[in-house]
N, C-alpha and C. Protein backbone atom coordinates (compact mmCIF):
# COMPACT_ATOMS: atom_id res chain seq x y z
N MET A 1 17.24 3.41 6.64
CA MET A 1 16.50 3.10 7.88
C MET A 1 15.12 2.54 7.76
N VAL A 2 14.96 1.49 8.43
CA VAL A 2 13.69 0.40 7.97
C VAL A 2 12.88 0.46 9.87
N ARG A 3 11.78 0.04 9.85
CA ARG A 3 10.81 -0.36 10.81
C ARG A 3 10.51 -1.96 10.42
N ILE A 4 10.88 -3.18 11.15
CA ILE A 4 10.79 -4.42 11.28
C ILE A 4 9.51 -4.80 12.26
N ASP A 5 8.59 -5.23 11.79
CA ASP A 5 7.40 -5.95 12.68
C ASP A 5 7.53 -7.26 12.05
N GLY A 6 7.03 -8.32 13.22
CA GLY A 6 6.71 -9.53 12.95
C GLY A 6 8.51 -10.34 13.05
N ASN A 7 7.96 -11.67 12.33
CA ASN A 7 9.03 -12.85 12.63
C ASN A 7 10.05 -12.55 11.10
N ARG A 8 11.11 -12.36 11.86
CA ARG A 8 11.90 -12.37 10.62
C ARG A 8 12.28 -13.40 10.44
N ASP A 9 11.94 -14.69 10.87
CA ASP A 9 12.09 -15.96 9.68
C ASP A 9 10.88 -16.41 9.45
N ALA A 10 10.14 -15.63 9.33
CA ALA A 10 8.71 -15.83 8.46
C ALA A 10 8.76 -16.34 6.90
N ARG A 11 8.29 -16.87 6.25
CA ARG A 11 8.42 -17.01 4.86
C ARG A 11 7.69 -15.76 3.79
N HIS A 12 6.60 -15.41 5.00
CA HIS A 12 5.77 -14.21 3.81
C HIS A 12 6.46 -12.86 4.33
N TRP A 13 6.68 -12.03 3.70
CA TRP A 13 7.55 -10.67 3.66
C TRP A 13 6.52 -9.65 3.19
N LEU A 14 6.11 -8.31 3.82
CA LEU A 14 5.61 -7.27 3.25
C LEU A 14 6.47 -6.16 3.33
N LEU A 15 7.11 -5.84 2.01
CA LEU A 15 7.56 -4.16 2.05
C LEU A 15 6.70 -3.24 2.04
N LEU A 16 6.17 -2.22 3.11
CA LEU A 16 5.20 -1.26 3.15
C LEU A 16 5.67 -0.16 3.03
N ALA A 17 5.18 0.89 1.74
CA ALA A 17 5.73 1.98 1.72
C ALA A 17 4.77 3.25 2.45
N HIS A 18 5.44 4.37 2.52
CA HIS A 18 3.91 5.37 3.28
C HIS A 18 3.49 6.12 2.10
N GLY A 19 2.57 6.92 2.31
CA GLY A 19 2.07 7.98 1.69
C GLY A 19 2.57 9.05 1.34
N SER A 20 2.35 10.30 0.26
CA SER A 20 3.13 11.27 -0.11
C SER A 20 3.50 12.39 0.97
N GLY A 21 2.57 12.26 1.77
CA GLY A 21 2.92 13.38 2.76
C GLY A 21 3.27 13.03 4.72
N ALA A 22 3.39 12.05 4.81
CA ALA A 22 3.77 11.09 5.74
C ALA A 22 4.67 10.04 5.94
N GLY A 23 5.57 10.04 6.83
CA GLY A 23 6.42 8.64 6.62
C GLY A 23 5.99 7.57 7.76
N MET A 24 7.01 6.84 7.78
CA MET A 24 6.84 5.45 8.33
C MET A 24 6.39 5.30 9.69
N ASP A 25 6.35 6.54 10.24
CA ASP A 25 6.17 6.45 11.50
C ASP A 25 4.64 7.10 11.75
N HIS A 26 4.08 7.43 11.17
CA HIS A 26 2.75 7.97 11.17
C HIS A 26 1.93 6.91 11.42
N PRO A 27 0.85 7.54 12.30
CA PRO A 27 -0.19 6.54 13.24
C PRO A 27 -0.88 5.47 12.25
N PHE A 28 -1.21 5.83 10.98
CA PHE A 28 -1.82 5.02 10.27
C PHE A 28 -0.70 3.90 9.68
N MET A 29 0.34 4.33 9.52
CA MET A 29 1.50 3.14 9.12
C MET A 29 1.89 2.42 10.25
N ASP A 30 2.07 2.81 11.27
CA ASP A 30 2.22 2.01 12.68
C ASP A 30 1.40 1.09 12.79
N THR A 31 0.03 1.63 13.08
CA THR A 31 -0.90 0.46 13.56
C THR A 31 -1.27 -0.75 12.30
N MET A 32 -0.94 -0.30 10.83
CA MET A 32 -0.98 -1.41 9.96
C MET A 32 -0.05 -2.26 10.11
N ALA A 33 1.27 -1.83 10.02
CA ALA A 33 2.22 -2.69 10.03
C ALA A 33 2.35 -3.76 11.65
N ARG A 34 1.93 -3.34 12.25
CA ARG A 34 2.09 -3.91 13.77
C ARG A 34 0.61 -4.97 13.39
N ALA A 35 -0.57 -4.44 13.06
CA ALA A 35 -1.87 -5.42 12.89
C ALA A 35 -1.37 -6.53 11.60
N ILE A 36 -0.56 -6.21 10.41
CA ILE A 36 -0.65 -7.00 9.63
C ILE A 36 0.71 -8.08 9.95
N ALA A 37 1.44 -7.61 10.59
CA ALA A 37 2.41 -8.54 11.13
C ALA A 37 2.22 -9.92 11.99
N GLY A 38 3.52 -10.92 12.09
CA GLY A 38 3.11 -11.94 12.96
C GLY A 38 4.04 -12.96 13.12
N GLU A 39 3.73 -14.09 13.75
CA GLU A 39 4.81 -14.79 13.81
C GLU A 39 5.03 -15.78 12.38
N ASP A 40 4.01 -15.31 11.40
CA ASP A 40 3.88 -16.09 10.18
C ASP A 40 3.92 -14.97 9.00
N LEU A 41 4.10 -13.67 9.48
CA LEU A 41 4.62 -12.38 8.53
C LEU A 41 5.39 -11.60 9.02
N CYS A 42 6.06 -11.25 8.18
CA CYS A 42 6.96 -9.95 8.58
C CYS A 42 7.01 -8.83 7.86
N VAL A 43 6.89 -7.80 8.61
CA VAL A 43 6.24 -6.33 7.99
C VAL A 43 7.46 -5.29 8.01
N VAL A 44 8.28 -4.77 6.88
CA VAL A 44 9.38 -3.97 6.66
C VAL A 44 8.49 -2.70 6.30
N ARG A 45 8.80 -1.31 7.18
CA ARG A 45 8.35 -0.14 6.65
C ARG A 45 9.53 0.69 6.23
N TYR A 46 9.55 1.15 5.00
CA TYR A 46 10.81 1.89 4.69
C TYR A 46 10.20 3.21 4.23
N GLU A 47 11.24 4.40 3.96
CA GLU A 47 11.03 5.13 3.25
C GLU A 47 11.70 5.81 2.25
N PHE A 48 11.13 6.52 1.42
CA PHE A 48 11.79 6.71 0.03
C PHE A 48 12.38 8.09 0.42
N PRO A 49 13.65 8.00 -0.80
CA PRO A 49 14.61 9.19 -0.47
C PRO A 49 14.24 10.76 -0.03
N TYR A 50 13.00 10.94 -0.84
CA TYR A 50 12.59 12.60 -0.07
C TYR A 50 11.98 12.50 1.14
N MET A 51 11.40 11.35 1.52
CA MET A 51 10.80 11.45 2.87
C MET A 51 12.23 11.26 3.69
N GLN A 52 13.07 10.66 3.71
CA GLN A 52 14.20 10.62 4.42
C GLN A 52 14.74 12.03 4.36
N THR A 53 14.77 12.87 3.60
CA THR A 53 15.43 14.28 3.31
C THR A 53 14.34 15.09 4.26
N ILE A 54 13.25 14.82 4.24
CA ILE A 54 12.34 15.53 5.11
C ILE A 54 12.60 15.08 7.03
N ARG A 55 12.54 13.83 6.87
CA ARG A 55 13.12 13.49 8.19
C ARG A 55 14.50 14.36 8.91
N ALA A 56 15.55 14.36 7.82
CA ALA A 56 16.79 15.00 8.19
C ALA A 56 16.76 16.27 8.38
N THR A 57 16.02 17.12 7.77
CA THR A 57 16.07 18.46 7.38
C THR A 57 14.58 19.63 8.18
N ASN A 58 13.76 18.42 8.68
CA ASN A 58 12.45 18.90 9.06
C ASN A 58 12.21 19.85 7.99
N LYS A 59 12.23 19.99 7.05
CA LYS A 59 11.40 20.72 6.34
C LYS A 59 10.64 19.86 4.71
N ARG A 60 9.38 20.55 4.53
CA ARG A 60 8.69 19.56 3.89
C ARG A 60 9.24 19.81 2.25
N ARG A 61 8.77 18.79 1.46
CA ARG A 61 9.23 18.69 -0.04
C ARG A 61 8.08 17.93 -0.70
N PRO A 62 8.17 18.04 -1.94
CA PRO A 62 7.47 16.95 -2.64
C PRO A 62 8.08 15.45 -3.14
N PRO A 63 7.37 14.89 -3.48
CA PRO A 63 7.92 13.60 -3.61
C PRO A 63 8.48 13.31 -4.77
N ASP A 64 9.29 12.60 -5.05
CA ASP A 64 10.32 12.87 -5.86
C ASP A 64 9.78 11.76 -7.11
N ARG A 65 10.38 11.88 -8.27
CA ARG A 65 9.43 11.84 -9.64
C ARG A 65 9.44 10.09 -9.44
N MET A 66 8.51 9.57 -10.38
CA MET A 66 8.31 8.00 -10.24
C MET A 66 9.64 7.20 -10.55
N PRO A 67 10.75 7.54 -11.65
CA PRO A 67 11.52 6.93 -11.53
C PRO A 67 12.54 6.77 -10.52
N ARG A 68 12.99 7.53 -9.74
CA ARG A 68 13.44 8.15 -8.47
C ARG A 68 12.88 7.14 -7.54
N LEU A 69 11.56 6.87 -7.58
CA LEU A 69 11.07 6.22 -6.47
C LEU A 69 11.15 4.61 -6.86
N LEU A 70 10.81 4.23 -8.32
CA LEU A 70 11.22 2.81 -8.42
C LEU A 70 12.50 2.52 -7.80
N ASP A 71 13.29 3.40 -8.27
CA ASP A 71 15.20 2.84 -8.11
C ASP A 71 14.96 2.62 -6.45
N ALA A 72 14.43 3.63 -6.03
CA ALA A 72 15.06 3.19 -4.30
C ALA A 72 14.02 2.03 -4.02
N LEU A 73 13.19 1.67 -4.72
CA LEU A 73 12.21 0.39 -3.91
C LEU A 73 13.16 -0.99 -4.62
N GLY A 74 13.71 -0.79 -5.80
CA GLY A 74 14.42 -1.26 -6.53
C GLY A 74 15.37 -2.11 -5.39
N ASP A 75 16.00 -1.21 -4.78
CA ASP A 75 17.32 -1.46 -4.31
C ASP A 75 16.83 -2.01 -2.78
N LEU A 76 15.79 -1.49 -2.56
CA LEU A 76 15.41 -2.28 -1.11
C LEU A 76 14.91 -3.51 -1.19
N ILE A 77 14.04 -4.19 -2.32
CA ILE A 77 13.86 -5.25 -2.88
C ILE A 77 15.11 -6.24 -2.93
N GLY A 78 16.15 -5.59 -3.80
CA GLY A 78 17.57 -6.10 -3.51
C GLY A 78 18.03 -6.73 -2.26
N GLU A 79 17.99 -6.04 -1.42
CA GLU A 79 18.12 -6.47 0.05
C GLU A 79 17.48 -7.29 0.57
N TYR A 80 16.07 -7.57 0.33
CA TYR A 80 15.05 -8.45 1.17
C TYR A 80 14.60 -9.45 0.32
N ARG A 81 14.90 -9.53 -0.72
CA ARG A 81 14.63 -10.75 -1.58
C ARG A 81 15.35 -11.83 -1.74
N ARG A 82 14.71 -13.32 -1.27
CA ARG A 82 15.53 -14.46 -0.96
C ARG A 82 14.54 -15.55 -1.60
N ASP A 83 15.35 -16.41 -2.09
CA ASP A 83 14.30 -17.70 -2.65
C ASP A 83 13.59 -17.93 -1.73
N ASP A 84 13.86 -18.39 -0.83
CA ASP A 84 12.64 -18.80 0.52
C ASP A 84 11.78 -17.70 1.22
N ARG A 85 11.65 -17.01 0.33
CA ARG A 85 10.58 -15.65 0.67
C ARG A 85 9.52 -15.55 -0.47
N VAL A 86 8.07 -15.60 0.24
CA VAL A 86 7.44 -14.75 -0.71
C VAL A 86 7.31 -13.29 -0.21
N LEU A 87 7.79 -12.56 -1.36
CA LEU A 87 7.59 -11.00 -1.05
C LEU A 87 6.95 -10.35 -1.64
N VAL A 88 5.75 -9.37 -0.97
CA VAL A 88 4.90 -8.31 -1.51
C VAL A 88 5.33 -6.84 -1.32
N LEU A 89 4.81 -6.47 -2.46
CA LEU A 89 5.02 -4.99 -1.94
C LEU A 89 3.67 -4.21 -1.91
N GLY A 90 3.64 -3.11 -1.06
CA GLY A 90 2.55 -2.53 -0.86
C GLY A 90 2.55 -1.09 -0.11
N GLY A 91 1.54 -0.58 0.07
CA GLY A 91 1.93 0.81 0.86
C GLY A 91 0.73 1.89 0.73
N LYS A 92 0.59 2.89 1.05
CA LYS A 92 -0.33 3.61 1.61
C LYS A 92 -0.39 4.57 0.25
N SER A 93 -1.21 4.72 -0.52
CA SER A 93 -1.38 5.74 -1.45
C SER A 93 -0.55 5.99 -2.27
N LEU A 94 0.19 6.65 -2.49
CA LEU A 94 1.75 6.92 -3.50
C LEU A 94 2.38 5.57 -3.10
N GLY A 95 2.42 5.13 -2.12
CA GLY A 95 3.37 3.76 -1.68
C GLY A 95 2.62 2.72 -2.52
N GLY A 96 1.20 2.58 -2.51
CA GLY A 96 0.31 1.61 -3.38
C GLY A 96 0.84 1.81 -4.82
N ARG A 97 0.85 2.79 -5.14
CA ARG A 97 0.68 3.27 -6.50
C ARG A 97 2.22 2.75 -7.34
N VAL A 98 3.44 3.34 -6.57
CA VAL A 98 4.53 2.72 -6.75
C VAL A 98 5.04 1.62 -6.94
N SER A 99 4.29 0.51 -5.44
CA SER A 99 4.50 -0.69 -5.47
C SER A 99 3.91 -1.45 -6.99
N ALA A 100 2.63 -0.98 -7.25
CA ALA A 100 2.00 -1.68 -8.73
C ALA A 100 2.73 -1.26 -9.87
N THR A 101 3.62 -0.12 -9.97
CA THR A 101 4.21 0.24 -10.89
C THR A 101 5.32 -0.54 -11.06
N TRP A 102 5.96 -0.91 -10.04
CA TRP A 102 7.53 -1.63 -9.97
C TRP A 102 7.01 -2.95 -10.70
N ALA A 103 6.04 -3.54 -9.70
CA ALA A 103 5.46 -4.97 -10.21
C ALA A 103 5.05 -5.26 -11.85
N LEU A 104 5.02 -3.82 -12.38
CA LEU A 104 4.71 -4.27 -13.81
C LEU A 104 5.50 -4.67 -14.76
N ASP A 105 7.02 -4.41 -14.48
CA ASP A 105 8.36 -5.13 -15.09
C ASP A 105 8.77 -6.19 -14.22
N ASN A 106 8.88 -6.15 -12.75
CA ASN A 106 9.55 -7.06 -12.02
C ASN A 106 8.97 -8.23 -11.69
N PRO A 107 9.76 -9.29 -11.20
CA PRO A 107 8.88 -10.03 -10.19
C PRO A 107 8.55 -9.68 -9.16
N VAL A 108 7.40 -10.47 -8.53
CA VAL A 108 7.05 -10.07 -6.97
C VAL A 108 5.54 -11.00 -6.96
N ALA A 109 5.41 -11.17 -5.89
CA ALA A 109 4.32 -12.56 -5.17
C ALA A 109 2.91 -11.80 -5.27
N GLY A 110 3.08 -10.27 -5.04
CA GLY A 110 1.55 -9.87 -5.47
C GLY A 110 1.76 -8.51 -4.46
N VAL A 111 0.50 -7.49 -4.70
CA VAL A 111 0.97 -6.08 -4.37
C VAL A 111 -0.33 -5.75 -3.77
N ILE A 112 -0.31 -4.74 -2.61
CA ILE A 112 -1.25 -3.87 -1.70
C ILE A 112 -1.24 -2.45 -1.89
N ALA A 113 -2.42 -2.22 -2.24
CA ALA A 113 -2.67 -0.79 -2.22
C ALA A 113 -3.79 -0.19 -1.30
N LEU A 114 -3.47 0.35 -0.28
CA LEU A 114 -4.42 0.80 0.73
C LEU A 114 -4.70 2.79 0.58
N GLY A 115 -5.45 2.19 0.10
CA GLY A 115 -6.23 3.57 -0.60
C GLY A 115 -5.41 4.25 -1.81
N TYR A 116 -5.67 3.60 -3.21
CA TYR A 116 -5.19 3.95 -4.34
C TYR A 116 -5.46 5.11 -4.49
N PRO A 117 -4.19 6.00 -5.20
CA PRO A 117 -4.53 7.43 -5.64
C PRO A 117 -5.44 7.15 -7.24
N PHE A 118 -6.57 6.47 -7.56
CA PHE A 118 -7.12 6.68 -8.67
C PHE A 118 -6.96 7.80 -9.02
N HIS A 119 -7.03 8.96 -8.99
CA HIS A 119 -6.81 10.22 -9.56
C HIS A 119 -7.33 11.02 -8.73
N PRO A 120 -6.00 11.89 -9.26
CA PRO A 120 -5.67 13.29 -8.37
C PRO A 120 -6.93 14.11 -7.47
N VAL A 121 -7.09 14.22 -6.51
CA VAL A 121 -8.43 14.90 -5.81
C VAL A 121 -9.20 16.43 -6.56
N GLY A 122 -10.54 15.79 -7.02
CA GLY A 122 -10.77 16.86 -7.81
C GLY A 122 -11.03 16.98 -9.07
N LYS A 123 -10.13 16.01 -9.52
CA LYS A 123 -10.08 15.58 -10.95
C LYS A 123 -10.18 14.01 -11.62
N PRO A 124 -11.40 13.63 -11.32
CA PRO A 124 -11.67 12.24 -11.58
C PRO A 124 -11.86 11.87 -13.15
N ASP A 125 -11.47 12.73 -13.97
CA ASP A 125 -11.24 12.36 -15.44
C ASP A 125 -9.72 12.01 -15.74
N LYS A 126 -8.71 12.17 -14.74
CA LYS A 126 -7.16 12.11 -14.76
C LYS A 126 -7.20 10.67 -13.94
N TRP A 127 -7.49 9.63 -14.73
CA TRP A 127 -7.14 8.41 -14.13
C TRP A 127 -5.71 7.63 -14.28
N ARG A 128 -5.43 6.94 -13.13
CA ARG A 128 -4.28 6.50 -13.13
C ARG A 128 -4.25 5.01 -12.91
N LEU A 129 -4.91 4.46 -14.04
CA LEU A 129 -5.26 3.13 -13.89
C LEU A 129 -4.06 2.05 -14.67
N GLU A 130 -3.24 2.76 -15.16
CA GLU A 130 -2.06 1.67 -15.89
C GLU A 130 -1.42 0.79 -14.95
N PRO A 131 -0.85 1.02 -13.68
CA PRO A 131 -0.17 -0.07 -12.85
C PRO A 131 -1.30 -0.62 -12.48
N LEU A 132 -2.43 -0.76 -12.76
CA LEU A 132 -3.59 -1.77 -12.22
C LEU A 132 -4.03 -2.46 -13.16
N THR A 133 -4.06 -1.71 -14.43
CA THR A 133 -4.88 -2.72 -15.68
C THR A 133 -4.00 -3.35 -16.28
N GLU A 134 -2.43 -2.87 -16.32
CA GLU A 134 -1.40 -3.54 -17.01
C GLU A 134 -0.54 -4.56 -16.24
N GLY A 135 -0.84 -4.68 -15.39
CA GLY A 135 0.10 -5.69 -14.19
C GLY A 135 -0.81 -7.04 -14.46
N ARG A 136 0.31 -7.99 -13.67
CA ARG A 136 -0.14 -9.25 -13.74
C ARG A 136 0.05 -10.02 -12.67
N VAL A 137 0.27 -9.95 -11.73
CA VAL A 137 0.59 -10.30 -10.44
C VAL A 137 -1.11 -9.92 -9.54
N PRO A 138 -1.04 -10.93 -8.37
CA PRO A 138 -2.39 -10.66 -7.52
C PRO A 138 -2.18 -9.33 -7.25
N THR A 139 -3.27 -8.66 -6.97
CA THR A 139 -3.29 -7.07 -6.71
C THR A 139 -4.30 -6.90 -5.70
N LEU A 140 -4.26 -6.51 -4.12
CA LEU A 140 -5.20 -6.32 -3.51
C LEU A 140 -5.37 -4.69 -3.22
N VAL A 141 -6.76 -4.09 -3.78
CA VAL A 141 -6.99 -2.71 -3.15
C VAL A 141 -7.87 -2.52 -2.34
N LEU A 142 -7.35 -1.99 -0.94
CA LEU A 142 -8.34 -1.74 0.07
C LEU A 142 -8.51 -0.07 -0.11
N GLN A 143 -9.83 0.20 -0.58
CA GLN A 143 -10.36 1.41 -0.68
C GLN A 143 -11.66 2.01 0.22
N GLY A 144 -11.31 2.93 0.41
CA GLY A 144 -12.39 3.74 1.47
C GLY A 144 -13.66 4.05 0.71
N GLU A 145 -14.69 3.85 1.09
CA GLU A 145 -15.98 4.12 0.26
C GLU A 145 -16.03 5.84 -0.11
N ARG A 146 -15.33 6.50 0.49
CA ARG A 146 -15.65 8.02 0.72
C ARG A 146 -14.24 8.57 -0.08
N ASP A 147 -13.40 7.88 -0.72
CA ASP A 147 -11.78 8.26 -0.91
C ASP A 147 -11.81 9.53 -1.90
N SER A 148 -11.46 10.39 -1.53
CA SER A 148 -11.50 11.56 -2.37
C SER A 148 -10.35 11.61 -3.60
N PHE A 149 -9.58 10.09 -3.52
CA PHE A 149 -8.86 10.03 -4.76
C PHE A 149 -9.51 9.18 -5.52
N GLY A 150 -10.48 8.61 -5.24
CA GLY A 150 -11.55 7.31 -5.81
C GLY A 150 -12.57 6.80 -5.16
N ASN A 151 -13.51 7.29 -5.29
CA ASN A 151 -14.79 6.67 -4.13
C ASN A 151 -15.75 5.43 -4.61
N ARG A 152 -16.53 4.66 -3.98
CA ARG A 152 -17.17 4.16 -4.29
C ARG A 152 -17.87 4.13 -6.12
N GLY A 153 -18.82 5.17 -5.62
CA GLY A 153 -19.45 5.80 -6.73
C GLY A 153 -18.79 5.53 -8.33
N GLU A 154 -17.68 6.71 -7.86
CA GLU A 154 -16.76 6.66 -9.08
C GLU A 154 -16.06 5.33 -9.77
N LEU A 155 -15.81 4.53 -8.89
CA LEU A 155 -15.12 2.91 -9.27
C LEU A 155 -16.17 2.39 -9.85
N GLU A 156 -17.26 2.32 -9.45
CA GLU A 156 -18.19 1.31 -9.99
C GLU A 156 -18.39 1.14 -11.45
N GLY A 157 -18.03 2.37 -12.04
CA GLY A 157 -17.96 2.31 -13.49
C GLY A 157 -16.56 2.23 -14.21
N VAL A 158 -15.76 1.42 -13.52
CA VAL A 158 -14.26 1.12 -13.86
C VAL A 158 -13.90 -0.52 -14.15
N ALA A 159 -13.52 -0.73 -14.88
CA ALA A 159 -13.69 -2.16 -15.33
C ALA A 159 -11.96 -2.31 -15.02
N LEU A 160 -11.86 -3.56 -13.67
CA LEU A 160 -10.42 -3.88 -13.51
C LEU A 160 -10.10 -5.27 -13.36
N PRO A 161 -9.24 -5.63 -14.13
CA PRO A 161 -8.87 -7.17 -14.49
C PRO A 161 -8.74 -8.00 -13.61
N ASP A 162 -9.00 -9.23 -13.75
CA ASP A 162 -9.39 -10.39 -12.81
C ASP A 162 -8.24 -10.31 -11.79
N HIS A 163 -7.20 -10.03 -11.87
CA HIS A 163 -6.26 -10.10 -11.18
C HIS A 163 -6.24 -8.86 -9.72
N VAL A 164 -7.05 -8.17 -9.89
CA VAL A 164 -7.05 -7.04 -9.30
C VAL A 164 -8.44 -7.32 -8.40
N ARG A 165 -8.19 -7.30 -6.68
CA ARG A 165 -9.67 -7.40 -6.01
C ARG A 165 -9.47 -5.97 -5.53
N LEU A 166 -10.58 -5.42 -5.88
CA LEU A 166 -10.99 -4.26 -5.16
C LEU A 166 -12.00 -4.28 -3.84
N GLN A 167 -11.61 -4.17 -3.13
CA GLN A 167 -12.39 -4.25 -1.61
C GLN A 167 -12.44 -3.08 -1.24
N TYR A 168 -13.85 -2.69 -0.73
CA TYR A 168 -14.06 -1.34 -0.30
C TYR A 168 -14.34 -1.65 1.66
N VAL A 169 -13.75 -0.38 2.23
CA VAL A 169 -13.52 -0.15 3.54
C VAL A 169 -14.80 0.86 4.18
N THR A 170 -15.63 0.10 5.14
CA THR A 170 -16.89 0.93 5.20
C THR A 170 -16.93 2.12 5.76
N ASP A 171 -17.42 3.34 4.92
CA ASP A 171 -17.38 4.98 4.99
C ASP A 171 -15.91 5.34 5.29
N GLY A 172 -15.13 4.68 4.57
CA GLY A 172 -13.95 5.29 4.99
C GLY A 172 -13.23 6.24 4.19
N ASP A 173 -12.70 7.15 4.28
CA ASP A 173 -11.99 8.14 3.79
C ASP A 173 -10.67 8.02 2.98
N HIS A 174 -9.70 8.71 2.63
CA HIS A 174 -8.09 8.24 2.09
C HIS A 174 -7.48 7.13 2.99
N SER A 175 -7.64 7.65 3.99
CA SER A 175 -7.30 6.81 5.63
C SER A 175 -7.77 5.59 5.84
N LEU A 176 -9.03 5.52 5.12
CA LEU A 176 -9.68 4.50 6.15
C LEU A 176 -10.92 4.84 7.06
N LYS A 177 -10.48 6.14 7.26
CA LYS A 177 -11.19 6.42 8.57
C LYS A 177 -12.86 6.64 8.18
N PRO A 178 -13.79 6.01 9.11
CA PRO A 178 -15.20 6.74 8.62
C PRO A 178 -15.68 7.52 9.55
N ARG A 179 -16.86 8.00 9.43
CA ARG A 179 -17.60 8.93 9.70
C ARG A 179 -18.00 8.53 11.35
N LYS A 180 -18.38 9.31 12.22
CA LYS A 180 -18.88 8.84 13.25
C LYS A 180 -20.23 8.26 13.29
N ALA A 181 -21.19 8.84 12.73
CA ALA A 181 -22.45 8.31 12.03
C ALA A 181 -22.62 7.06 11.15
N SER A 182 -21.02 6.75 10.91
CA SER A 182 -21.46 5.32 10.02
C SER A 182 -21.47 4.17 10.66
N GLY A 183 -21.47 4.08 11.84
CA GLY A 183 -21.51 2.77 12.83
C GLY A 183 -20.41 1.92 13.06
N VAL A 184 -19.55 2.36 12.30
CA VAL A 184 -18.11 1.76 12.73
C VAL A 184 -17.01 2.74 13.15
N THR A 185 -16.01 2.14 13.71
CA THR A 185 -15.07 3.11 14.22
C THR A 185 -13.81 3.00 13.46
N GLU A 186 -12.86 4.03 13.23
CA GLU A 186 -11.62 3.59 12.74
C GLU A 186 -10.55 2.33 13.19
N GLU A 187 -10.61 2.19 14.62
CA GLU A 187 -10.25 0.82 14.59
C GLU A 187 -10.53 -0.22 13.90
N GLN A 188 -11.99 -0.18 13.85
CA GLN A 188 -12.68 -1.48 13.31
C GLN A 188 -12.01 -1.52 11.98
N ASN A 189 -12.11 -0.21 11.19
CA ASN A 189 -11.87 -0.28 9.83
C ASN A 189 -10.42 -0.73 9.49
N LEU A 190 -9.45 -0.39 10.38
CA LEU A 190 -8.30 -0.36 10.16
C LEU A 190 -7.67 -2.14 10.45
N GLN A 191 -8.30 -2.68 11.76
CA GLN A 191 -8.37 -4.00 11.80
C GLN A 191 -8.89 -4.99 10.58
N ALA A 192 -10.03 -4.52 10.09
CA ALA A 192 -10.64 -4.95 8.76
C ALA A 192 -9.71 -5.29 7.66
N ALA A 193 -8.97 -4.02 7.69
CA ALA A 193 -8.25 -3.89 6.40
C ALA A 193 -6.80 -4.95 6.63
N ALA A 194 -6.51 -4.88 7.80
CA ALA A 194 -5.03 -5.64 7.98
C ALA A 194 -5.52 -7.04 8.14
N THR A 195 -6.81 -7.52 8.67
CA THR A 195 -6.95 -8.94 8.23
C THR A 195 -7.34 -9.48 6.94
N ALA A 196 -7.76 -8.43 5.75
CA ALA A 196 -7.60 -8.42 4.67
C ALA A 196 -6.47 -9.03 3.99
N CYS A 197 -5.20 -7.82 4.57
CA CYS A 197 -4.03 -8.04 3.80
C CYS A 197 -3.57 -9.25 4.39
N ARG A 198 -3.39 -9.78 5.40
CA ARG A 198 -2.99 -11.21 6.10
C ARG A 198 -3.39 -12.29 5.25
N ALA A 199 -4.68 -12.18 5.23
CA ALA A 199 -5.53 -13.48 4.44
C ALA A 199 -4.75 -13.31 3.06
N PHE A 200 -5.02 -12.10 2.39
CA PHE A 200 -4.40 -12.12 0.54
C PHE A 200 -2.56 -12.74 1.10
N ILE A 201 -1.63 -12.14 1.99
CA ILE A 201 -0.26 -12.32 1.80
C ILE A 201 -0.06 -13.86 1.83
N LEU A 202 -1.02 -14.39 2.90
CA LEU A 202 -0.31 -15.80 3.09
C LEU A 202 -1.24 -16.56 2.22
N GLY A 203 -2.15 -16.28 1.56
CA GLY A 203 -2.39 -17.24 0.31
C GLY A 203 -1.58 -17.00 -1.06
N LEU A 204 -0.54 -16.60 -0.77
CA LEU A 204 0.43 -16.23 -1.92
C LEU A 204 1.28 -17.34 -2.03
N GLU A 205 1.66 -17.67 -3.32
CA GLU A 205 2.88 -18.47 -3.06
C GLU A 205 4.00 -17.62 -4.08
N PRO A 206 5.25 -17.82 -4.28
CA PRO A 206 6.37 -17.34 -5.22
C PRO A 206 5.93 -17.47 -6.72
């Protein structure tokens, strides 16, 4: 089961995965998918097998291990890849990490990470940089300045390769939500992130 927003005849497509704890119908996912999609861009939201099980049983469970997540993504790509499409992979948190990991060994036009989990919460010494530093495809990381999985202060000391564009979202947490005193709203942050995603995707070629 997937959710499709935008024009199915568009040349540019984004396969958008959820984070570890909430599925494709979460308000964040719904808002971002609808804001990114348009007449020129089709967005496909999908769920990994463990999240499909959660949906079916209404019982929480941890994410599958990376090999199973990658297999599931590979199957989906096989369904949606076409020679006349520009196919981009993306996702929130875990979904972005899986997308970047898949792109290490497989062809894709680009990768988007919405709140990349640079390290586990509270463990800033346990970096998860390899999917970014060892990749080769154009990659956009949209990171909240206060993200507990890697905030701006921590990341200023991290060297990322030229193919990775790290863009900060004003006062955002892991879901890009700012504090009331920041002067920006959650809606503004999500719209800014969607605008950046659209520009990135539409600028890519196969």
